[in-house]
Amino acid sequence: MKRLYFLFCVFLFSCAPTGRLGPTISPAPAATSQPQPTAAATEPGEETPIGVPSLTPPGPSPSVTSPMGELGGVNPHDYTFQKIADGLHQPVYLTHAGDGSGRLFIVEQAGRIRIVQNGELRLDPFLDIRDLVNDGSTEQGLLGLAFSPEYASNGQFFVHYSDANGDTTIVRYSVSSDPNRADPDSAKIILQVDQPYANHNGGDLVFGPDGYLYIGLGDGGSQGDPQGNGQNLNALLGKMLRIDVSQEPYGIPPDNPFINRAGARPEVWAYGFRNPWRYSFDRETGDLYIADVGQNAYEEVNFQPASSTGGENYGWNFMEGLHAYRGQAPDGLTMPVAEYSHEEGGCSITGGYVYRGPSLPGLNGIYFFGDYCSGYIWGLRRTADGDWHKLNLWKTAYKISSFGEDEAGELYVVDHGGEVQQIVLK
């Protein structure tokens, strides 16, 4: 069925790439090879000031005398990847519970959450809801997981999945008396959103420093946002939502930007997204980084400072990255701080994290993101003068479906082929 969907999409709609997972566009050759147990950091690239996109593949450039300078002197050859887990079935996310246990929780797209504890992948899943999850299309399935900031005391966590009809479903669960098993009977549906197509479901959900739950939803699918959801404030699709889950089923934070605006949904925090696939808050500054999957030409990273009061319009479908896509763009758009073209490397961006862990001080303050198709991993940093610089750090053999962060802030790469790697010093 997946193969038939792909052919249907390519030949009838010409919509490759449609989003972030699966064979919606053929990966680069390096991304189709089997991952190695340890993939050394290779091919440091040329640093590119944002706004001047480079079409040069990664490789040293004689025109740049100090290509790592703006990233704080980072040398990609100093780092490598250490396998943490394998034998997973299409993993799409990794996170932690924030309860001091040190456990890693890995989301499998078909509907299971697995635990890595004391360096071992536990056989029994933390949660198995495969009978509820629809993963019949490449961008559907169990896509997101967020633990309550008070998980250590209330035992609550939230998942984001496609239901039997393919619609977005946000559900709250509680842990059982066994800390390594969730209580499947504790399910409480928080929010459901109709999905008109099988792609562009978004899938992330993250608690912000303010304690509210942020939910990223794509524009609803097909090609070019035919329903105009990205710019329609009365639709939840194509948005970043912000809700208060301390109320039943949820409440609206009183400072949400559109709470008193006629014709707008009060849940909306920001809009103009095509398919936000992984976003994260910098645990030190509170700044929000959002990776948004492009249409046919450009992938982008958006930035929302911690001081934001919400309401940003990130441009889709007027803009794709820094480039006009359709129609006359209005004034006041918030443009991406980084982009890369499909010629430059890949087809589907995967957002990551700003590194704040203790073991790799040379990477402190760098935002990491990658590409599902090419396996490239970039670093991005804002310099003291306010400019953004990105550096293509590594070309891996991984189908990067997500990055992950543990309790300490160490960084992981999730390979959709079935492995999890940690970035470590050689």
Protein backbone atom coordinates (compact mmCIF):
# COMPACT_ATOMS: atom_id res chain seq x y z
CA MET A 1 0.00 0.00 0.00
CA LYS A 2 2.82 2.41 0.80
CA ARG A 3 4.33 1.80 -2.64
CA LEU A 4 0.94 2.41 -4.31
CA TYR A 5 0.50 5.63 -2.32
CA PHE A 6 3.93 6.82 -3.39
CA LEU A 7 3.25 6.16 -7.09
CA PHE A 8 -0.16 7.81 -6.81
CA CYS A 9 1.39 10.86 -5.16
CA VAL A 10 4.22 11.24 -7.66
CA PHE A 11 2.33 10.63 -10.89
CA LEU A 12 -1.02 12.24 -10.11
CA PHE A 13 -0.13 15.04 -7.73
CA SER A 14 3.60 15.54 -8.36
CA CYS A 15 3.95 16.25 -4.67
CA ALA A 16 7.33 14.79 -3.80
CA PRO A 17 8.39 15.40 -1.17
CA THR A 18 5.09 15.27 0.70
CA GLY A 19 6.55 15.48 4.18
CA ARG A 20 8.96 13.94 6.58
CA LEU A 21 8.90 10.16 6.73
CA GLY A 22 9.05 7.20 4.42
CA PRO A 23 9.70 6.83 0.72
CA THR A 24 7.89 9.94 -0.49
CA ILE A 25 11.05 10.79 -2.38
CA SER A 26 14.03 8.56 -3.03
CA PRO A 27 16.74 9.12 -0.41
CA ALA A 28 20.27 9.96 -1.46
CA PRO A 29 22.44 6.86 -1.96
CA ALA A 30 24.20 7.34 1.37
CA ALA A 31 20.87 7.34 3.18
CA THR A 32 19.85 3.99 1.70
CA SER A 33 22.88 2.05 2.87
CA GLN A 34 22.75 0.14 6.12
CA PRO A 35 23.90 2.20 9.13
CA GLN A 36 27.23 1.17 10.59
CA PRO A 37 27.62 0.47 14.31
CA THR A 38 29.67 3.64 14.64
CA ALA A 39 29.59 6.32 11.96
CA ALA A 40 32.57 8.61 12.24
CA ALA A 41 32.11 12.31 11.63
CA THR A 42 33.11 13.03 8.05
CA GLU A 43 33.21 15.70 5.40
CA PRO A 44 33.11 19.01 7.27
CA GLY A 45 31.37 21.56 5.08
CA GLU A 46 31.56 25.19 4.22
CA GLU A 47 29.92 27.59 6.62
CA THR A 48 27.10 29.49 4.97
CA PRO A 49 25.79 32.87 6.16
CA ILE A 50 22.01 32.62 6.15
CA GLY A 51 20.29 34.39 3.28
CA VAL A 52 22.98 33.32 0.80
CA PRO A 53 22.08 29.65 0.31
CA SER A 54 24.93 27.53 -0.99
CA LEU A 55 24.40 24.88 -3.65
CA THR A 56 27.82 23.39 -2.95
CA PRO A 57 27.88 19.85 -1.51
CA PRO A 58 29.74 19.48 1.79
CA GLY A 59 33.46 19.76 1.39
CA PRO A 60 36.30 22.13 2.22
CA SER A 61 36.19 25.45 0.45
CA PRO A 62 39.37 27.43 -0.24
CA SER A 63 37.36 30.64 -0.06
CA VAL A 64 36.64 30.10 3.65
CA THR A 65 39.78 30.32 5.73
CA SER A 66 38.14 29.32 9.01
CA PRO A 67 34.94 27.43 8.16
CA MET A 68 34.20 26.47 11.77
CA GLY A 69 34.93 29.89 13.26
CA GLU A 70 31.40 31.17 13.72
CA LEU A 71 30.37 27.88 15.36
CA GLY A 72 32.93 28.41 18.07
CA GLY A 73 35.77 26.51 16.43
CA VAL A 74 33.87 23.22 16.15
CA ASN A 75 35.83 20.54 14.35
CA PRO A 76 33.46 17.80 13.10
CA HIS A 77 36.31 15.28 13.10
CA ASP A 78 36.46 15.45 16.91
CA TYR A 79 33.09 13.70 17.22
CA THR A 80 31.52 10.39 16.33
CA PHE A 81 28.30 8.43 16.87
CA GLN A 82 27.86 5.73 19.47
CA LYS A 83 25.05 3.22 19.11
CA ILE A 84 22.64 3.29 22.04
CA ALA A 85 19.90 0.97 20.76
CA ASP A 86 19.03 -1.09 17.71
CA GLY A 87 16.36 -3.57 16.67
CA LEU A 88 13.69 -0.86 16.83
CA HIS A 89 10.79 -0.72 14.38
CA GLN A 90 10.67 2.64 12.59
CA PRO A 91 11.59 4.85 15.55
CA VAL A 92 10.47 8.46 15.18
CA TYR A 93 11.26 10.15 18.50
CA LEU A 94 13.31 9.97 21.68
CA THR A 95 12.82 11.82 24.94
CA HIS A 96 13.07 11.47 28.71
CA ALA A 97 10.59 11.63 31.57
CA GLY A 98 12.43 14.22 33.64
CA ASP A 99 11.96 12.06 36.73
CA GLY A 100 15.63 11.50 37.54
CA SER A 101 15.56 7.87 36.37
CA GLY A 102 17.89 8.44 33.41
CA ARG A 103 15.63 6.35 31.17
CA LEU A 104 15.22 7.05 27.47
CA PHE A 105 11.78 6.66 25.89
CA ILE A 106 11.71 5.82 22.18
CA VAL A 107 8.56 6.14 20.04
CA GLU A 108 7.97 3.54 17.33
CA GLN A 109 5.71 4.74 14.52
CA ALA A 110 3.41 1.72 14.57
CA GLY A 111 2.28 2.54 18.10
CA ARG A 112 4.75 1.45 20.76
CA ILE A 113 6.91 3.32 23.25
CA ARG A 114 10.10 1.51 24.25
CA ILE A 115 12.47 2.16 27.17
CA VAL A 116 16.25 2.14 27.27
CA GLN A 117 17.28 1.63 30.89
CA ASN A 118 20.84 1.25 32.14
CA GLY A 119 22.03 1.00 28.55
CA GLU A 120 19.64 -1.83 27.61
CA LEU A 121 16.52 -1.77 25.46
CA ARG A 122 13.74 -3.32 27.49
CA LEU A 123 11.77 -6.06 25.74
CA ASP A 124 8.37 -5.08 27.15
CA PRO A 125 7.07 -1.74 25.85
CA PHE A 126 6.13 1.14 28.13
CA LEU A 127 2.96 1.57 26.05
CA ASP A 128 1.53 -0.47 23.16
CA ILE A 129 -1.42 1.11 21.35
CA ARG A 130 -0.89 -0.44 17.93
CA ASP A 131 -4.56 -1.42 17.85
CA LEU A 132 -5.51 2.29 18.03
CA VAL A 133 -2.87 3.76 15.73
CA ASN A 134 -3.20 4.09 11.97
CA ASP A 135 0.24 3.96 10.35
CA GLY A 136 -1.07 2.97 6.93
CA SER A 137 0.56 5.95 5.25
CA THR A 138 4.16 7.05 5.58
CA GLU A 139 3.31 10.19 7.56
CA GLN A 140 0.79 8.63 9.91
CA GLY A 141 1.27 6.69 13.12
CA LEU A 142 2.34 7.35 16.69
CA LEU A 143 4.30 10.53 16.10
CA GLY A 144 4.86 12.38 19.38
CA LEU A 145 5.34 11.99 23.13
CA ALA A 146 5.57 14.57 25.91
CA PHE A 147 5.88 13.96 29.63
CA SER A 148 4.18 16.34 32.02
CA PRO A 149 6.63 18.70 33.73
CA GLU A 150 5.21 17.20 36.96
CA TYR A 151 5.53 13.63 35.76
CA ALA A 152 7.52 12.60 38.84
CA SER A 153 4.49 13.44 40.98
CA ASN A 154 1.45 13.05 38.67
CA GLY A 155 2.63 10.27 36.32
CA GLN A 156 0.96 11.87 33.29
CA PHE A 157 2.21 11.92 29.72
CA PHE A 158 0.70 12.82 26.33
CA VAL A 159 0.89 11.17 22.92
CA HIS A 160 0.10 12.37 19.40
CA TYR A 161 -1.12 9.75 16.92
CA SER A 162 -3.22 9.16 13.81
CA ASP A 163 -6.44 7.35 14.66
CA ALA A 164 -8.34 4.77 12.60
CA ASN A 165 -9.70 7.56 10.38
CA GLY A 166 -6.28 9.14 9.97
CA ASP A 167 -7.19 12.11 12.15
CA THR A 168 -4.87 13.72 14.69
CA THR A 169 -5.54 12.54 18.24
CA ILE A 170 -3.90 13.93 21.38
CA VAL A 171 -4.33 11.62 24.38
CA ARG A 172 -3.29 11.77 28.02
CA TYR A 173 -2.12 8.61 29.77
CA SER A 174 -0.84 7.80 33.25
CA VAL A 175 1.87 5.44 34.41
CA SER A 176 0.82 2.28 36.24
CA SER A 177 2.15 1.03 39.59
CA ASP A 178 5.05 -0.36 37.56
CA PRO A 179 7.23 2.63 36.57
CA ASN A 180 8.13 0.86 33.31
CA ARG A 181 4.52 0.28 32.24
CA ALA A 182 1.85 2.80 31.37
CA ASP A 183 -1.78 2.17 32.29
CA PRO A 184 -3.59 1.66 28.95
CA ASP A 185 -6.97 2.13 30.63
CA SER A 186 -6.05 5.65 31.76
CA ALA A 187 -6.46 7.11 28.25
CA LYS A 188 -8.20 10.47 28.07
CA ILE A 189 -8.66 12.12 24.66
CA ILE A 190 -7.64 15.79 24.90
CA LEU A 191 -7.99 16.98 21.32
CA GLN A 192 -8.92 15.59 17.90
CA VAL A 193 -8.39 17.33 14.56
CA ASP A 194 -9.76 16.12 11.22
CA GLN A 195 -7.08 15.46 8.62
CA PRO A 196 -8.22 15.88 4.98
CA TYR A 197 -5.22 14.01 3.56
CA ALA A 198 -2.80 11.36 4.80
CA ASN A 199 0.29 13.58 4.77
CA HIS A 200 1.47 16.70 6.63
CA ASN A 201 0.21 15.59 10.02
CA GLY A 202 2.93 17.35 11.98
CA GLY A 203 3.24 15.12 15.02
CA ASP A 204 5.27 16.84 17.68
CA LEU A 205 4.07 17.99 21.07
CA VAL A 206 6.36 19.63 23.61
CA PHE A 207 5.90 21.31 26.98
CA GLY A 208 7.33 24.81 27.00
CA PRO A 209 9.15 26.52 29.87
CA ASP A 210 5.79 28.13 30.70
CA GLY A 211 4.24 24.72 31.45
CA TYR A 212 1.86 24.84 28.49
CA LEU A 213 1.66 22.14 25.82
CA TYR A 214 2.71 23.15 22.30
CA ILE A 215 1.23 21.04 19.48
CA GLY A 216 2.55 21.29 15.92
CA LEU A 217 0.15 20.52 13.07
CA GLY A 218 0.83 20.46 9.34
CA ASP A 219 -1.36 22.14 6.75
CA GLY A 220 -3.48 19.03 6.15
CA GLY A 221 -1.63 17.61 3.20
CA SER A 222 -1.75 17.22 -0.55
CA GLN A 223 0.41 19.78 -2.37
CA GLY A 224 0.68 23.53 -1.93
CA ASP A 225 -1.92 23.76 0.89
CA PRO A 226 -5.01 23.57 -1.37
CA GLN A 227 -7.37 24.30 1.55
CA GLY A 228 -5.42 27.39 2.62
CA ASN A 229 -5.06 26.16 6.20
CA GLY A 230 -1.63 27.67 6.81
CA GLN A 231 -3.00 31.22 6.63
CA ASN A 232 -6.50 30.54 7.98
CA LEU A 233 -6.63 31.49 11.65
CA ASN A 234 -9.97 29.73 12.01
CA ALA A 235 -8.32 26.37 11.25
CA LEU A 236 -6.06 24.40 13.58
CA LEU A 237 -4.08 22.89 10.71
CA GLY A 238 -0.85 24.62 9.67
CA LYS A 239 -0.43 25.97 13.19
CA MET A 240 1.46 25.80 16.44
CA LEU A 241 -1.13 25.38 19.19
CA ARG A 242 -0.62 26.28 22.85
CA ILE A 243 -2.97 24.82 25.44
CA ASP A 244 -3.27 24.36 29.19
CA VAL A 245 -3.66 20.65 30.00
CA SER A 246 -4.07 21.28 33.73
CA GLN A 247 -7.76 21.83 32.89
CA GLU A 248 -10.27 19.33 31.45
CA PRO A 249 -10.05 18.56 28.62
CA TYR A 250 -7.82 21.61 28.17
CA GLY A 251 -7.85 25.33 28.76
CA ILE A 252 -6.69 28.34 26.75
CA PRO A 253 -3.76 30.28 28.24
CA PRO A 254 -5.03 33.81 28.91
CA ASP A 255 -2.14 35.38 26.99
CA ASN A 256 -2.59 33.40 23.77
CA PRO A 257 -2.39 35.95 20.93
CA PHE A 258 -5.76 35.27 19.25
CA ILE A 259 -7.89 34.50 22.29
CA ASN A 260 -10.15 37.53 21.75
CA ARG A 261 -9.94 37.81 17.97
CA ALA A 262 -13.09 37.08 15.99
CA GLY A 263 -12.66 34.42 13.33
CA ALA A 264 -9.59 32.90 14.96
CA ARG A 265 -9.14 29.79 17.06
CA PRO A 266 -7.92 30.71 20.56
CA GLU A 267 -5.62 27.68 20.68
CA VAL A 268 -3.39 29.14 17.94
CA TRP A 269 0.02 30.36 19.07
CA ALA A 270 1.70 30.81 15.65
CA TYR A 271 0.77 30.03 12.06
CA GLY A 272 1.96 29.74 8.47
CA PHE A 273 3.45 26.23 8.72
CA ARG A 274 3.54 23.52 6.08
CA ASN A 275 4.62 20.57 8.20
CA PRO A 276 6.56 21.37 11.38
CA TRP A 277 8.54 18.19 11.92
CA ARG A 278 10.28 18.46 15.26
CA TYR A 279 10.72 21.60 17.29
CA SER A 280 12.31 22.25 20.65
CA PHE A 281 12.94 24.85 23.32
CA ASP A 282 16.49 25.75 24.22
CA ARG A 283 16.62 24.56 27.83
CA GLU A 284 18.91 27.43 28.79
CA THR A 285 17.32 30.42 27.02
CA GLY A 286 13.73 29.30 26.38
CA ASP A 287 14.02 30.15 22.67
CA LEU A 288 11.95 27.97 20.32
CA TYR A 289 13.41 26.38 17.15
CA ILE A 290 10.96 24.99 14.59
CA ALA A 291 11.93 22.91 11.55
CA ASP A 292 9.32 23.15 8.78
CA VAL A 293 9.37 20.72 5.85
CA GLY A 294 9.36 22.41 2.45
CA GLN A 295 7.48 21.65 -0.75
CA ASN A 296 9.82 20.93 -3.64
CA ALA A 297 12.84 23.18 -3.24
CA TYR A 298 13.70 24.51 0.25
CA GLU A 299 13.72 23.31 3.87
CA GLU A 300 13.70 25.82 6.70
CA VAL A 301 14.43 26.49 10.36
CA ASN A 302 12.27 29.05 12.14
CA PHE A 303 13.10 30.80 15.38
CA GLN A 304 10.87 32.28 18.08
CA PRO A 305 12.69 34.09 20.89
CA ALA A 306 11.71 33.41 24.47
CA SER A 307 10.44 36.99 24.69
CA SER A 308 7.80 36.35 22.01
CA THR A 309 4.14 36.87 22.84
CA GLY A 310 3.11 34.64 19.94
CA GLY A 311 1.14 35.43 16.81
CA GLU A 312 4.01 35.06 14.32
CA ASN A 313 3.14 34.24 10.71
CA TYR A 314 5.92 32.03 9.32
CA GLY A 315 4.79 32.46 5.76
CA TRP A 316 3.48 29.23 4.24
CA ASN A 317 2.03 29.07 1.60
CA PHE A 318 3.16 32.49 0.43
CA MET A 319 6.77 31.49 1.05
CA GLU A 320 8.86 28.34 0.91
CA GLY A 321 11.93 29.11 2.96
CA LEU A 322 13.18 32.55 1.96
CA HIS A 323 11.59 32.25 -1.50
CA ALA A 324 8.20 33.20 -2.93
CA TYR A 325 5.94 30.22 -3.46
CA ARG A 326 2.44 31.48 -4.27
CA GLY A 327 0.56 34.76 -4.25
CA GLN A 328 1.54 38.13 -2.87
CA ALA A 329 3.03 37.78 0.58
CA PRO A 330 1.72 40.25 3.17
CA ASP A 331 3.94 42.45 5.28
CA GLY A 332 5.06 41.28 8.68
CA LEU A 333 6.03 37.70 7.94
CA THR A 334 8.59 36.08 10.23
CA MET A 335 11.22 34.65 7.91
CA PRO A 336 13.32 31.56 8.61
CA VAL A 337 16.76 31.97 10.14
CA ALA A 338 18.18 29.10 8.10
CA GLU A 339 17.34 27.15 4.99
CA TYR A 340 18.87 24.65 2.61
CA SER A 341 17.89 23.76 -0.91
CA HIS A 342 17.18 20.28 -2.20
CA GLU A 343 20.12 20.72 -4.52
CA GLU A 344 22.27 21.50 -1.50
CA GLY A 345 21.39 18.32 0.32
CA GLY A 346 18.22 16.35 0.89
CA CYS A 347 14.46 16.63 0.73
CA SER A 348 12.91 16.65 4.23
CA ILE A 349 14.19 18.52 7.27
CA THR A 350 14.23 17.02 10.75
CA GLY A 351 14.52 19.48 13.61
CA GLY A 352 16.72 18.90 16.63
CA TYR A 353 17.97 20.66 19.75
CA VAL A 354 20.34 23.29 21.02
CA TYR A 355 23.08 21.32 22.74
CA ARG A 356 23.35 22.09 26.47
CA GLY A 357 24.86 18.88 27.80
CA PRO A 358 27.92 18.66 30.04
CA SER A 359 30.06 16.19 28.10
CA LEU A 360 30.63 18.14 24.84
CA PRO A 361 31.37 21.75 25.87
CA GLY A 362 32.61 22.59 22.38
CA LEU A 363 29.05 22.15 21.06
CA ASN A 364 27.36 24.32 23.68
CA GLY A 365 24.78 26.67 22.18
CA ILE A 366 24.70 25.06 18.72
CA TYR A 367 21.32 24.03 17.29
CA PHE A 368 21.48 20.72 15.42
CA PHE A 369 19.15 19.66 12.62
CA GLY A 370 19.31 17.10 9.83
CA ASP A 371 17.74 15.75 6.67
CA TYR A 372 15.83 12.48 6.38
CA CYS A 373 16.87 11.72 2.80
CA SER A 374 20.55 12.67 2.71
CA GLY A 375 21.59 11.96 6.30
CA TYR A 376 23.27 15.37 6.55
CA ILE A 377 23.51 17.02 9.97
CA TRP A 378 23.98 20.76 10.26
CA GLY A 379 24.94 23.02 13.14
CA LEU A 380 23.41 26.50 13.48
CA ARG A 381 24.47 29.32 15.77
CA ARG A 382 23.57 32.96 16.23
CA THR A 383 26.66 35.11 16.50
CA ALA A 384 27.20 38.05 18.81
CA ASP A 385 26.35 40.49 16.01
CA GLY A 386 22.97 38.81 15.49
CA ASP A 387 23.82 36.94 12.28
CA TRP A 388 23.00 33.26 11.85
CA HIS A 389 25.56 30.81 10.48
CA LYS A 390 25.13 27.17 9.60
CA LEU A 391 27.70 24.49 8.96
CA ASN A 392 27.18 21.12 7.32
CA LEU A 393 28.93 18.99 9.94
CA TRP A 394 28.40 15.36 9.03
CA LYS A 395 27.08 13.15 6.27
CA THR A 396 25.66 10.01 7.85
CA ALA A 397 24.01 6.87 6.52
CA TYR A 398 20.98 7.43 8.75
CA LYS A 399 17.40 8.18 7.77
CA ILE A 400 17.12 10.89 10.39
CA SER A 401 13.53 10.82 11.65
CA SER A 402 14.28 12.72 14.85
CA PHE A 403 16.85 13.94 17.29
CA GLY A 404 16.52 13.36 21.02
CA GLU A 405 17.70 14.81 24.30
CA ASP A 406 18.21 13.09 27.65
CA GLU A 407 17.80 14.55 31.13
CA ALA A 408 21.33 15.93 31.12
CA GLY A 409 21.00 17.51 27.68
CA GLU A 410 23.09 14.99 25.73
CA LEU A 411 22.10 14.68 22.08
CA TYR A 412 20.87 11.62 20.16
CA VAL A 413 20.11 10.88 16.51
CA VAL A 414 17.14 8.64 15.71
CA ASP A 415 17.52 6.51 12.58
CA HIS A 416 14.18 5.48 11.08
CA GLY A 417 15.91 2.29 9.98
CA GLY A 418 15.92 1.06 13.58
CA GLU A 419 18.81 2.54 15.56
CA VAL A 420 19.56 5.34 18.00
CA GLN A 421 22.98 6.97 18.11
CA GLN A 422 24.49 9.38 20.62
CA ILE A 423 26.88 12.13 19.55
CA VAL A 424 30.08 11.67 21.53
CA LEU A 425 33.75 12.67 21.49
CA LYS A 426 36.10 10.34 19.69
